[in-house]
Amino acid sequence: GEPTQNLLKLIRPELRLELRAALHQAVQLQTAIEAPNIPWNKNGEAQSLTIRVNPVTQNSDTAKGFLLVMFDLDERAPAAEKVVRTANEPVARQLEAELIQVKARLRHSAEQYEYQAAELRASNEEFQAMNEELRSAAEELETSKEELQSINEELRTVNQELKVKIEEMSVTSNNLQNLINSAGVATVFLDRAFCIRLYTPAAQQL
């Protein structure tokens, strides 16, 4: 498995339940706790062990909040005490196994949550990028619309100026035509290809 410095994971399984209870009581009560005559097997030999947990409670001590755990070995294993404790061992093992499974499920759920949160953040970033692109496209469209409106205004102005010039030329042409007709002179107007463009009524007799 992965390297760990957690004492509850490093200690022998048969001592884990008593150690966990002693640590919990020492932290909750802030006083020294002793778990005596804990039976265990060493190389197939029945022995007993006493666990002592002393919390550091002095405010002046830099190690305040730490726990001092001591293990006193006693090769004499009381049979009665051993029988009483081993009777509860299957239940304790089952509870500890269930606790490990619950922790594993919680860790898996936390990993799944983190994965889903990362996907959600990525989707949100993509949505923000698309929103920025749409906003930029809308701004460009608005700019193009304004430019088109400006061009239309210029075209209307040029068209109006052309109308005025055409009207002026029409008036000038009519005046010239009337002047020529009133003079009674046979006159023919040719273009650069010598084709007739205009002529007076008097020219019809030629």
N, C-alpha and C. Protein backbone atom coordinates (compact mmCIF):
# COMPACT_ATOMS: atom_id res chain seq x y z
N GLY A 1 0.82 -1.20 0.00
CA GLY A 1 0.00 0.00 0.00
C GLY A 1 0.85 1.25 0.00
N GLU A 2 0.19 2.40 0.08
CA GLU A 2 0.91 3.67 0.09
C GLU A 2 1.60 3.87 1.44
N PRO A 3 2.79 4.50 1.45
CA PRO A 3 3.47 4.78 2.71
C PRO A 3 2.60 5.66 3.60
N THR A 4 2.61 5.38 4.92
CA THR A 4 1.81 6.17 5.85
C THR A 4 2.51 6.25 7.19
N GLN A 5 2.22 7.32 7.94
CA GLN A 5 2.72 7.47 9.30
C GLN A 5 1.57 7.46 10.30
N ASN A 6 0.39 7.06 9.83
CA ASN A 6 -0.77 6.97 10.71
C ASN A 6 -0.60 5.76 11.62
N LEU A 7 -0.55 6.02 12.94
CA LEU A 7 -0.29 4.95 13.89
C LEU A 7 -1.37 3.88 13.85
N LEU A 8 -2.62 4.29 13.63
CA LEU A 8 -3.71 3.32 13.60
C LEU A 8 -3.59 2.36 12.43
N LYS A 9 -2.93 2.80 11.35
CA LYS A 9 -2.73 1.92 10.20
C LYS A 9 -1.47 1.07 10.34
N LEU A 10 -0.51 1.56 11.14
CA LEU A 10 0.76 0.84 11.28
C LEU A 10 0.70 -0.24 12.35
N ILE A 11 -0.15 -0.03 13.37
CA ILE A 11 -0.16 -0.96 14.50
C ILE A 11 -0.85 -2.27 14.11
N ARG A 12 -0.57 -3.31 14.87
CA ARG A 12 -1.19 -4.61 14.62
C ARG A 12 -2.72 -4.49 14.68
N PRO A 13 -3.41 -5.22 13.82
CA PRO A 13 -4.88 -5.14 13.80
C PRO A 13 -5.52 -5.49 15.15
N GLU A 14 -4.94 -6.45 15.90
CA GLU A 14 -5.56 -6.85 17.16
C GLU A 14 -5.42 -5.79 18.25
N LEU A 15 -4.56 -4.78 18.03
CA LEU A 15 -4.39 -3.70 19.01
C LEU A 15 -5.08 -2.41 18.56
N ARG A 16 -5.59 -2.40 17.36
CA ARG A 16 -6.09 -1.16 16.76
C ARG A 16 -7.32 -0.62 17.49
N LEU A 17 -8.24 -1.50 17.86
CA LEU A 17 -9.48 -1.06 18.48
C LEU A 17 -9.22 -0.38 19.82
N GLU A 18 -8.41 -1.03 20.67
CA GLU A 18 -8.10 -0.45 21.98
C GLU A 18 -7.33 0.86 21.84
N LEU A 19 -6.39 0.92 20.90
CA LEU A 19 -5.62 2.15 20.70
C LEU A 19 -6.53 3.28 20.23
N ARG A 20 -7.44 2.96 19.31
CA ARG A 20 -8.35 3.99 18.81
C ARG A 20 -9.21 4.56 19.95
N ALA A 21 -9.73 3.67 20.81
CA ALA A 21 -10.56 4.11 21.93
C ALA A 21 -9.76 4.96 22.91
N ALA A 22 -8.52 4.55 23.20
CA ALA A 22 -7.69 5.31 24.13
C ALA A 22 -7.35 6.69 23.57
N LEU A 23 -7.01 6.76 22.30
CA LEU A 23 -6.71 8.05 21.68
C LEU A 23 -7.93 8.97 21.71
N HIS A 24 -9.10 8.42 21.40
CA HIS A 24 -10.32 9.22 21.38
C HIS A 24 -10.62 9.78 22.78
N GLN A 25 -10.52 8.93 23.81
CA GLN A 25 -10.81 9.38 25.17
C GLN A 25 -9.80 10.42 25.63
N ALA A 26 -8.53 10.23 25.30
CA ALA A 26 -7.50 11.19 25.71
C ALA A 26 -7.74 12.56 25.08
N VAL A 27 -8.14 12.57 23.82
CA VAL A 27 -8.41 13.85 23.15
C VAL A 27 -9.66 14.51 23.71
N GLN A 28 -10.72 13.71 23.95
CA GLN A 28 -11.98 14.27 24.43
C GLN A 28 -11.87 14.76 25.88
N LEU A 29 -11.22 13.97 26.72
CA LEU A 29 -11.15 14.29 28.15
C LEU A 29 -9.92 15.11 28.52
N GLN A 30 -8.94 15.19 27.60
CA GLN A 30 -7.69 15.91 27.87
C GLN A 30 -7.04 15.44 29.17
N THR A 31 -6.97 14.14 29.31
CA THR A 31 -6.34 13.54 30.48
C THR A 31 -5.68 12.24 30.06
N ALA A 32 -4.81 11.71 30.92
CA ALA A 32 -4.11 10.47 30.61
C ALA A 32 -5.08 9.29 30.64
N ILE A 33 -4.96 8.42 29.65
CA ILE A 33 -5.83 7.25 29.53
C ILE A 33 -4.96 6.00 29.49
N GLU A 34 -5.41 4.95 30.21
CA GLU A 34 -4.67 3.69 30.24
C GLU A 34 -5.60 2.55 29.82
N ALA A 35 -5.12 1.75 28.88
CA ALA A 35 -5.85 0.56 28.45
C ALA A 35 -5.01 -0.65 28.84
N PRO A 36 -5.29 -1.27 29.99
CA PRO A 36 -4.41 -2.33 30.50
C PRO A 36 -4.76 -3.72 29.99
N ASN A 37 -3.77 -4.58 30.08
CA ASN A 37 -3.96 -6.03 29.84
C ASN A 37 -4.65 -6.34 28.52
N ILE A 38 -4.12 -5.78 27.45
CA ILE A 38 -4.66 -6.07 26.12
C ILE A 38 -3.97 -7.32 25.60
N PRO A 39 -4.71 -8.40 25.32
CA PRO A 39 -4.07 -9.64 24.86
C PRO A 39 -3.65 -9.54 23.40
N TRP A 40 -2.50 -10.11 23.10
CA TRP A 40 -2.04 -10.18 21.72
C TRP A 40 -1.04 -11.32 21.60
N ASN A 41 -0.77 -11.75 20.42
CA ASN A 41 0.13 -12.87 20.17
C ASN A 41 1.43 -12.37 19.57
N LYS A 42 2.52 -12.82 20.13
CA LYS A 42 3.85 -12.50 19.62
C LYS A 42 4.55 -13.81 19.29
N ASN A 43 4.71 -14.03 18.00
CA ASN A 43 5.34 -15.27 17.54
C ASN A 43 4.61 -16.51 18.07
N GLY A 44 3.26 -16.41 18.11
CA GLY A 44 2.47 -17.54 18.57
C GLY A 44 2.33 -17.65 20.07
N GLU A 45 2.96 -16.75 20.84
CA GLU A 45 2.88 -16.79 22.29
C GLU A 45 1.90 -15.73 22.78
N ALA A 46 1.04 -16.13 23.72
CA ALA A 46 0.05 -15.21 24.28
C ALA A 46 0.74 -14.24 25.22
N GLN A 47 0.55 -12.96 25.01
CA GLN A 47 1.12 -11.92 25.86
C GLN A 47 0.07 -10.84 26.09
N SER A 48 0.37 -9.93 26.99
CA SER A 48 -0.53 -8.81 27.25
C SER A 48 0.24 -7.51 27.09
N LEU A 49 -0.53 -6.46 26.85
CA LEU A 49 0.07 -5.16 26.57
C LEU A 49 -0.79 -4.08 27.20
N THR A 50 -0.15 -3.07 27.77
CA THR A 50 -0.86 -1.91 28.31
C THR A 50 -0.52 -0.68 27.48
N ILE A 51 -1.56 -0.01 27.02
CA ILE A 51 -1.36 1.21 26.22
C ILE A 51 -1.67 2.42 27.11
N ARG A 52 -0.75 3.38 27.14
CA ARG A 52 -0.95 4.63 27.89
C ARG A 52 -0.86 5.81 26.92
N VAL A 53 -1.86 6.66 26.97
CA VAL A 53 -1.91 7.84 26.11
C VAL A 53 -1.95 9.07 27.00
N ASN A 54 -0.94 9.94 26.87
CA ASN A 54 -0.85 11.17 27.66
C ASN A 54 -0.91 12.38 26.72
N PRO A 55 -1.96 13.18 26.80
CA PRO A 55 -2.02 14.40 25.97
C PRO A 55 -1.20 15.52 26.59
N VAL A 56 -0.55 16.31 25.76
CA VAL A 56 0.20 17.47 26.23
C VAL A 56 -0.78 18.63 26.34
N THR A 57 -1.02 19.09 27.58
CA THR A 57 -2.07 20.10 27.82
C THR A 57 -1.52 21.43 28.31
N GLN A 58 -0.24 21.53 28.63
CA GLN A 58 0.30 22.78 29.16
C GLN A 58 0.39 23.83 28.05
N ASN A 59 -0.13 25.03 28.36
CA ASN A 59 -0.12 26.11 27.36
C ASN A 59 1.30 26.54 27.01
N SER A 60 2.21 26.44 27.97
CA SER A 60 3.58 26.89 27.72
C SER A 60 4.39 25.89 26.91
N ASP A 61 3.88 24.70 26.77
CA ASP A 61 4.61 23.66 26.04
C ASP A 61 4.37 23.81 24.54
N THR A 62 5.46 23.85 23.77
CA THR A 62 5.33 23.99 22.32
C THR A 62 4.69 22.77 21.68
N ALA A 63 4.67 21.65 22.40
CA ALA A 63 4.08 20.42 21.87
C ALA A 63 2.62 20.25 22.30
N LYS A 64 2.00 21.34 22.76
CA LYS A 64 0.60 21.24 23.20
C LYS A 64 -0.27 20.74 22.04
N GLY A 65 -1.16 19.81 22.38
CA GLY A 65 -2.00 19.21 21.35
C GLY A 65 -1.46 17.88 20.86
N PHE A 66 -0.18 17.58 21.19
CA PHE A 66 0.39 16.31 20.80
C PHE A 66 -0.05 15.22 21.79
N LEU A 67 0.13 13.98 21.39
CA LEU A 67 -0.20 12.84 22.24
C LEU A 67 1.03 11.96 22.39
N LEU A 68 1.34 11.59 23.64
CA LEU A 68 2.44 10.67 23.92
C LEU A 68 1.84 9.28 24.15
N VAL A 69 2.19 8.34 23.29
CA VAL A 69 1.64 6.98 23.37
C VAL A 69 2.76 6.03 23.80
N MET A 70 2.49 5.29 24.88
CA MET A 70 3.48 4.34 25.40
C MET A 70 2.87 2.94 25.42
N PHE A 71 3.70 1.95 25.11
CA PHE A 71 3.27 0.55 25.09
C PHE A 71 4.11 -0.21 26.12
N ASP A 72 3.47 -0.74 27.15
CA ASP A 72 4.15 -1.54 28.18
C ASP A 72 3.85 -3.01 27.94
N LEU A 73 4.91 -3.78 27.65
CA LEU A 73 4.75 -5.21 27.37
C LEU A 73 4.76 -6.01 28.66
N ASP A 74 3.88 -6.99 28.75
CA ASP A 74 3.81 -7.89 29.89
C ASP A 74 3.58 -9.30 29.36
N GLU A 75 4.57 -10.16 29.52
CA GLU A 75 4.47 -11.50 28.97
C GLU A 75 3.42 -12.35 29.67
N ARG A 76 2.99 -11.94 30.84
CA ARG A 76 1.96 -12.70 31.53
C ARG A 76 0.60 -12.27 31.00
N ALA A 77 -0.13 -13.18 30.40
CA ALA A 77 -1.42 -12.86 29.79
C ALA A 77 -2.53 -13.47 30.62
N PRO A 78 -3.30 -12.66 31.34
CA PRO A 78 -4.43 -13.20 32.13
C PRO A 78 -5.43 -13.88 31.23
N ALA A 79 -5.73 -15.17 31.55
CA ALA A 79 -6.61 -15.94 30.68
C ALA A 79 -8.02 -15.38 30.66
N ALA A 80 -8.56 -15.01 31.84
CA ALA A 80 -9.94 -14.51 31.88
C ALA A 80 -10.09 -13.25 31.05
N GLU A 81 -9.15 -12.33 31.24
CA GLU A 81 -9.21 -11.08 30.47
C GLU A 81 -9.11 -11.37 29.00
N LYS A 82 -8.29 -12.30 28.62
CA LYS A 82 -8.12 -12.64 27.22
C LYS A 82 -9.41 -13.20 26.64
N VAL A 83 -10.09 -14.05 27.39
CA VAL A 83 -11.34 -14.64 26.91
C VAL A 83 -12.40 -13.57 26.71
N VAL A 84 -12.50 -12.65 27.67
CA VAL A 84 -13.51 -11.59 27.56
C VAL A 84 -13.27 -10.74 26.34
N ARG A 85 -12.03 -10.38 26.10
CA ARG A 85 -11.73 -9.50 24.98
C ARG A 85 -11.88 -10.22 23.65
N THR A 86 -11.43 -11.45 23.57
CA THR A 86 -11.51 -12.13 22.28
C THR A 86 -12.94 -12.42 21.90
N ALA A 87 -13.85 -12.45 22.87
CA ALA A 87 -15.25 -12.68 22.54
C ALA A 87 -15.83 -11.54 21.73
N ASN A 88 -15.31 -10.33 21.95
CA ASN A 88 -15.81 -9.16 21.23
C ASN A 88 -15.00 -8.85 19.97
N GLU A 89 -13.94 -9.60 19.74
CA GLU A 89 -13.08 -9.27 18.62
C GLU A 89 -13.79 -9.38 17.27
N PRO A 90 -14.61 -10.41 16.98
CA PRO A 90 -15.27 -10.46 15.66
C PRO A 90 -16.12 -9.24 15.38
N VAL A 91 -16.86 -8.76 16.40
CA VAL A 91 -17.68 -7.56 16.21
C VAL A 91 -16.80 -6.36 15.94
N ALA A 92 -15.72 -6.25 16.71
CA ALA A 92 -14.81 -5.12 16.51
C ALA A 92 -14.19 -5.16 15.12
N ARG A 93 -13.78 -6.36 14.68
CA ARG A 93 -13.20 -6.49 13.34
C ARG A 93 -14.21 -6.09 12.27
N GLN A 94 -15.47 -6.52 12.46
CA GLN A 94 -16.50 -6.20 11.48
C GLN A 94 -16.74 -4.69 11.43
N LEU A 95 -16.81 -4.08 12.63
CA LEU A 95 -17.02 -2.63 12.66
C LEU A 95 -15.86 -1.89 12.01
N GLU A 96 -14.65 -2.35 12.27
CA GLU A 96 -13.49 -1.70 11.67
C GLU A 96 -13.48 -1.88 10.16
N ALA A 97 -13.85 -3.10 9.70
CA ALA A 97 -13.91 -3.34 8.25
C ALA A 97 -14.97 -2.45 7.60
N GLU A 98 -16.12 -2.32 8.28
CA GLU A 98 -17.16 -1.44 7.74
C GLU A 98 -16.69 0.00 7.71
N LEU A 99 -15.96 0.41 8.76
CA LEU A 99 -15.44 1.77 8.78
C LEU A 99 -14.47 2.01 7.63
N ILE A 100 -13.62 1.03 7.34
CA ILE A 100 -12.69 1.16 6.22
C ILE A 100 -13.44 1.27 4.90
N GLN A 101 -14.51 0.47 4.76
CA GLN A 101 -15.31 0.54 3.53
C GLN A 101 -15.99 1.90 3.38
N VAL A 102 -16.52 2.41 4.51
CA VAL A 102 -17.17 3.73 4.46
C VAL A 102 -16.17 4.80 4.06
N LYS A 103 -14.96 4.73 4.64
CA LYS A 103 -13.93 5.71 4.28
C LYS A 103 -13.57 5.60 2.81
N ALA A 104 -13.49 4.36 2.30
CA ALA A 104 -13.16 4.17 0.89
C ALA A 104 -14.25 4.76 0.00
N ARG A 105 -15.52 4.54 0.39
CA ARG A 105 -16.62 5.10 -0.41
C ARG A 105 -16.61 6.62 -0.36
N LEU A 106 -16.33 7.16 0.82
CA LEU A 106 -16.26 8.62 0.94
C LEU A 106 -15.13 9.18 0.09
N ARG A 107 -13.98 8.50 0.10
CA ARG A 107 -12.86 8.95 -0.71
C ARG A 107 -13.21 8.88 -2.19
N HIS A 108 -13.89 7.78 -2.59
CA HIS A 108 -14.31 7.65 -3.99
C HIS A 108 -15.31 8.75 -4.36
N SER A 109 -16.26 9.02 -3.45
CA SER A 109 -17.25 10.07 -3.71
C SER A 109 -16.57 11.43 -3.83
N ALA A 110 -15.57 11.67 -2.97
CA ALA A 110 -14.85 12.94 -3.03
C ALA A 110 -14.10 13.08 -4.35
N GLU A 111 -13.49 11.98 -4.80
CA GLU A 111 -12.78 12.01 -6.08
C GLU A 111 -13.75 12.26 -7.23
N GLN A 112 -14.92 11.58 -7.19
CA GLN A 112 -15.93 11.79 -8.22
C GLN A 112 -16.43 13.24 -8.22
N TYR A 113 -16.63 13.77 -7.02
CA TYR A 113 -17.08 15.17 -6.92
C TYR A 113 -16.04 16.11 -7.50
N GLU A 114 -14.78 15.87 -7.17
CA GLU A 114 -13.71 16.73 -7.69
C GLU A 114 -13.63 16.63 -9.21
N TYR A 115 -13.80 15.40 -9.74
CA TYR A 115 -13.76 15.22 -11.19
C TYR A 115 -14.92 15.95 -11.86
N GLN A 116 -16.12 15.80 -11.30
CA GLN A 116 -17.28 16.48 -11.87
C GLN A 116 -17.15 18.00 -11.75
N ALA A 117 -16.58 18.46 -10.63
CA ALA A 117 -16.38 19.90 -10.46
C ALA A 117 -15.39 20.43 -11.49
N ALA A 118 -14.34 19.63 -11.78
CA ALA A 118 -13.37 20.05 -12.79
C ALA A 118 -14.03 20.12 -14.17
N GLU A 119 -14.87 19.12 -14.48
CA GLU A 119 -15.59 19.14 -15.77
C GLU A 119 -16.52 20.34 -15.85
N LEU A 120 -17.19 20.65 -14.74
CA LEU A 120 -18.10 21.79 -14.72
C LEU A 120 -17.34 23.09 -14.91
N ARG A 121 -16.16 23.20 -14.28
CA ARG A 121 -15.35 24.41 -14.46
C ARG A 121 -14.90 24.54 -15.91
N ALA A 122 -14.49 23.40 -16.51
CA ALA A 122 -14.06 23.44 -17.92
C ALA A 122 -15.22 23.85 -18.82
N SER A 123 -16.42 23.28 -18.57
CA SER A 123 -17.59 23.64 -19.39
C SER A 123 -17.93 25.11 -19.21
N ASN A 124 -17.81 25.61 -17.99
CA ASN A 124 -18.10 27.02 -17.73
C ASN A 124 -17.12 27.92 -18.45
N GLU A 125 -15.84 27.52 -18.46
CA GLU A 125 -14.85 28.32 -19.18
C GLU A 125 -15.13 28.32 -20.69
N GLU A 126 -15.53 27.15 -21.23
CA GLU A 126 -15.88 27.10 -22.65
C GLU A 126 -17.09 27.96 -22.95
N PHE A 127 -18.08 27.94 -22.06
CA PHE A 127 -19.27 28.76 -22.26
C PHE A 127 -18.91 30.24 -22.23
N GLN A 128 -18.03 30.63 -21.30
CA GLN A 128 -17.61 32.03 -21.22
C GLN A 128 -16.87 32.44 -22.49
N ALA A 129 -16.02 31.52 -23.02
CA ALA A 129 -15.29 31.83 -24.25
C ALA A 129 -16.26 32.00 -25.42
N MET A 130 -17.26 31.11 -25.51
CA MET A 130 -18.25 31.23 -26.58
C MET A 130 -19.05 32.52 -26.43
N ASN A 131 -19.36 32.88 -25.20
CA ASN A 131 -20.11 34.11 -24.95
C ASN A 131 -19.30 35.32 -25.38
N GLU A 132 -17.99 35.29 -25.10
CA GLU A 132 -17.12 36.39 -25.53
C GLU A 132 -17.09 36.48 -27.05
N GLU A 133 -17.00 35.32 -27.73
CA GLU A 133 -16.99 35.32 -29.20
C GLU A 133 -18.30 35.87 -29.76
N LEU A 134 -19.42 35.48 -29.17
CA LEU A 134 -20.71 35.98 -29.63
C LEU A 134 -20.82 37.48 -29.41
N ARG A 135 -20.34 37.96 -28.27
CA ARG A 135 -20.39 39.39 -27.99
C ARG A 135 -19.51 40.16 -28.98
N SER A 136 -18.32 39.59 -29.29
CA SER A 136 -17.43 40.22 -30.26
C SER A 136 -18.08 40.26 -31.65
N ALA A 137 -18.73 39.13 -32.04
CA ALA A 137 -19.40 39.08 -33.34
C ALA A 137 -20.54 40.09 -33.40
N ALA A 138 -21.27 40.24 -32.29
CA ALA A 138 -22.37 41.21 -32.25
C ALA A 138 -21.84 42.63 -32.40
N GLU A 139 -20.70 42.91 -31.75
CA GLU A 139 -20.10 44.24 -31.87
C GLU A 139 -19.65 44.51 -33.31
N GLU A 140 -19.04 43.49 -33.95
CA GLU A 140 -18.62 43.66 -35.34
C GLU A 140 -19.83 43.87 -36.26
N LEU A 141 -20.91 43.14 -35.99
CA LEU A 141 -22.12 43.30 -36.79
C LEU A 141 -22.71 44.70 -36.62
N GLU A 142 -22.68 45.20 -35.40
CA GLU A 142 -23.18 46.56 -35.15
C GLU A 142 -22.32 47.58 -35.87
N THR A 143 -20.99 47.36 -35.86
CA THR A 143 -20.10 48.28 -36.57
C THR A 143 -20.36 48.24 -38.07
N SER A 144 -20.53 47.02 -38.62
CA SER A 144 -20.83 46.89 -40.06
C SER A 144 -22.16 47.56 -40.40
N LYS A 145 -23.13 47.44 -39.52
CA LYS A 145 -24.43 48.06 -39.75
C LYS A 145 -24.29 49.58 -39.79
N GLU A 146 -23.50 50.13 -38.87
CA GLU A 146 -23.29 51.58 -38.86
C GLU A 146 -22.56 52.03 -40.13
N GLU A 147 -21.56 51.25 -40.56
CA GLU A 147 -20.85 51.59 -41.79
C GLU A 147 -21.78 51.54 -42.99
N LEU A 148 -22.66 50.53 -43.04
CA LEU A 148 -23.61 50.41 -44.15
C LEU A 148 -24.58 51.58 -44.16
N GLN A 149 -25.03 51.98 -42.99
CA GLN A 149 -25.91 53.14 -42.91
C GLN A 149 -25.20 54.40 -43.41
N SER A 150 -23.93 54.53 -43.06
CA SER A 150 -23.16 55.70 -43.52
C SER A 150 -23.02 55.69 -45.04
N ILE A 151 -22.75 54.50 -45.61
CA ILE A 151 -22.63 54.39 -47.08
C ILE A 151 -23.96 54.73 -47.75
N ASN A 152 -25.06 54.26 -47.17
CA ASN A 152 -26.38 54.56 -47.74
C ASN A 152 -26.66 56.05 -47.71
N GLU A 153 -26.25 56.70 -46.63
CA GLU A 153 -26.44 58.15 -46.55
C GLU A 153 -25.63 58.86 -47.64
N GLU A 154 -24.39 58.39 -47.85
CA GLU A 154 -23.56 59.00 -48.89
C GLU A 154 -24.17 58.77 -50.28
N LEU A 155 -24.70 57.55 -50.51
CA LEU A 155 -25.32 57.25 -51.81
C LEU A 155 -26.55 58.12 -52.04
N ARG A 156 -27.35 58.31 -50.99
CA ARG A 156 -28.52 59.18 -51.14
C ARG A 156 -28.11 60.61 -51.47
N THR A 157 -27.03 61.06 -50.83
CA THR A 157 -26.55 62.42 -51.09
C THR A 157 -26.07 62.55 -52.53
N VAL A 158 -25.27 61.56 -52.99
CA VAL A 158 -24.77 61.59 -54.37
C VAL A 158 -25.92 61.51 -55.36
N ASN A 159 -26.90 60.66 -55.08
CA ASN A 159 -28.07 60.51 -55.96
C ASN A 159 -28.85 61.82 -56.06
N GLN A 160 -28.97 62.49 -54.93
CA GLN A 160 -29.67 63.78 -54.94
C GLN A 160 -28.91 64.81 -55.76
N GLU A 161 -27.58 64.80 -55.61
CA GLU A 161 -26.77 65.73 -56.39
C GLU A 161 -26.89 65.44 -57.88
N LEU A 162 -26.91 64.14 -58.24
CA LEU A 162 -27.07 63.77 -59.66
C LEU A 162 -28.42 64.23 -60.20
N LYS A 163 -29.45 64.08 -59.40
CA LYS A 163 -30.77 64.54 -59.83
C LYS A 163 -30.77 66.04 -60.12
N VAL A 164 -30.12 66.77 -59.23
CA VAL A 164 -30.06 68.23 -59.42
C VAL A 164 -29.31 68.57 -60.71
N LYS A 165 -28.17 67.88 -60.93
CA LYS A 165 -27.40 68.16 -62.14
C LYS A 165 -28.17 67.78 -63.40
N ILE A 166 -28.88 66.63 -63.36
CA ILE A 166 -29.68 66.21 -64.52
C ILE A 166 -30.76 67.24 -64.82
N GLU A 167 -31.40 67.71 -63.76
CA GLU A 167 -32.44 68.72 -63.96
C GLU A 167 -31.84 70.00 -64.54
N GLU A 168 -30.66 70.38 -64.04
CA GLU A 168 -30.01 71.58 -64.57
C GLU A 168 -29.65 71.40 -66.04
N MET A 169 -29.10 70.20 -66.36
CA MET A 169 -28.74 69.94 -67.76
C MET A 169 -29.98 69.90 -68.65
N SER A 170 -31.07 69.36 -68.13
CA SER A 170 -32.31 69.32 -68.91
C SER A 170 -32.83 70.72 -69.20
N VAL A 171 -32.77 71.56 -68.19
CA VAL A 171 -33.20 72.95 -68.39
C VAL A 171 -32.32 73.65 -69.41
N THR A 172 -30.99 73.42 -69.27
CA THR A 172 -30.06 74.05 -70.20
C THR A 172 -30.30 73.56 -71.62
N SER A 173 -30.52 72.24 -71.75
CA SER A 173 -30.77 71.67 -73.08
C SER A 173 -32.05 72.23 -73.68
N ASN A 174 -33.08 72.32 -72.89
CA ASN A 174 -34.35 72.87 -73.39
C ASN A 174 -34.20 74.33 -73.82
N ASN A 175 -33.46 75.06 -73.02
CA ASN A 175 -33.26 76.47 -73.37
C ASN A 175 -32.49 76.60 -74.67
N LEU A 176 -31.44 75.73 -74.80
CA LEU A 176 -30.65 75.78 -76.03
C LEU A 176 -31.49 75.38 -77.23
N GLN A 177 -32.31 74.33 -77.06
CA GLN A 177 -33.17 73.88 -78.15
C GLN A 177 -34.16 74.97 -78.56
N ASN A 178 -34.72 75.62 -77.60
CA ASN A 178 -35.67 76.70 -77.89
C ASN A 178 -34.98 77.87 -78.60
N LEU A 179 -33.73 78.13 -78.16
CA LEU A 179 -33.00 79.24 -78.77
C LEU A 179 -32.70 78.94 -80.24
N ILE A 180 -32.26 77.70 -80.50
CA ILE A 180 -31.93 77.31 -81.88
C ILE A 180 -33.18 77.32 -82.75
N ASN A 181 -34.26 76.77 -82.20
CA ASN A 181 -35.49 76.72 -82.99
C ASN A 181 -36.02 78.11 -83.32
N SER A 182 -35.87 79.00 -82.39
CA SER A 182 -36.39 80.36 -82.63
C SER A 182 -35.53 81.13 -83.62
N ALA A 183 -34.27 80.72 -83.77
CA ALA A 183 -33.38 81.44 -84.70
C ALA A 183 -33.68 81.08 -86.15
N GLY A 184 -34.30 79.95 -86.44
CA GLY A 184 -34.63 79.55 -87.79
C GLY A 184 -33.44 79.17 -88.63
N VAL A 185 -32.33 78.83 -87.99
CA VAL A 185 -31.10 78.46 -88.70
C VAL A 185 -31.05 76.95 -88.77
N ALA A 186 -30.75 76.41 -89.98
CA ALA A 186 -30.61 74.96 -90.12
C ALA A 186 -29.33 74.52 -89.42
N THR A 187 -29.52 73.76 -88.33
CA THR A 187 -28.37 73.36 -87.52
C THR A 187 -28.46 71.87 -87.23
N VAL A 188 -27.29 71.20 -87.36
CA VAL A 188 -27.20 69.77 -87.06
C VAL A 188 -26.07 69.56 -86.04
N PHE A 189 -26.34 68.80 -84.96
CA PHE A 189 -25.33 68.48 -83.93
C PHE A 189 -24.87 67.05 -84.12
N LEU A 190 -23.55 66.87 -84.27
CA LEU A 190 -22.96 65.55 -84.48
C LEU A 190 -22.12 65.14 -83.27
N ASP A 191 -22.01 63.81 -83.05
CA ASP A 191 -21.09 63.33 -82.00
C ASP A 191 -19.73 63.07 -82.61
N ARG A 192 -18.82 62.43 -81.85
CA ARG A 192 -17.46 62.21 -82.34
C ARG A 192 -17.43 61.25 -83.53
N ALA A 193 -18.45 60.42 -83.68
CA ALA A 193 -18.50 59.49 -84.82
C ALA A 193 -19.26 60.09 -86.00
N PHE A 194 -19.51 61.40 -85.92
CA PHE A 194 -20.23 62.14 -86.97
C PHE A 194 -21.66 61.65 -87.15
N CYS A 195 -22.24 61.14 -86.08
CA CYS A 195 -23.65 60.74 -86.13
C CYS A 195 -24.51 61.89 -85.62
N ILE A 196 -25.68 62.06 -86.22
CA ILE A 196 -26.57 63.17 -85.86
C ILE A 196 -27.16 62.90 -84.47
N ARG A 197 -27.02 63.91 -83.61
CA ARG A 197 -27.60 63.83 -82.27
C ARG A 197 -28.82 64.74 -82.16
N LEU A 198 -28.70 65.96 -82.70
CA LEU A 198 -29.81 66.92 -82.68
C LEU A 198 -29.83 67.67 -84.02
N TYR A 199 -31.03 68.16 -84.35
CA TYR A 199 -31.12 69.02 -85.55
C TYR A 199 -32.35 69.92 -85.38
N THR A 200 -32.30 71.03 -86.04
CA THR A 200 -33.41 71.99 -85.99
C THR A 200 -34.39 71.67 -87.11
N PRO A 201 -35.65 72.12 -86.98
CA PRO A 201 -36.63 71.88 -88.03
C PRO A 201 -36.19 72.40 -89.41
N ALA A 202 -35.41 73.46 -89.40
CA ALA A 202 -34.97 74.02 -90.69
C ALA A 202 -34.01 73.09 -91.40
N ALA A 203 -33.32 72.21 -90.63
CA ALA A 203 -32.35 71.30 -91.24
C ALA A 203 -33.04 70.19 -92.00
N GLN A 204 -34.33 69.99 -91.76
CA GLN A 204 -35.01 68.91 -92.47
C GLN A 204 -35.15 69.20 -93.97
N GLN A 205 -35.02 70.46 -94.34
CA GLN A 205 -35.15 70.82 -95.75
C GLN A 205 -33.85 70.62 -96.52
N LEU A 206 -32.79 70.29 -95.80
CA LEU A 206 -31.49 70.14 -96.49
C LEU A 206 -31.32 68.75 -97.05
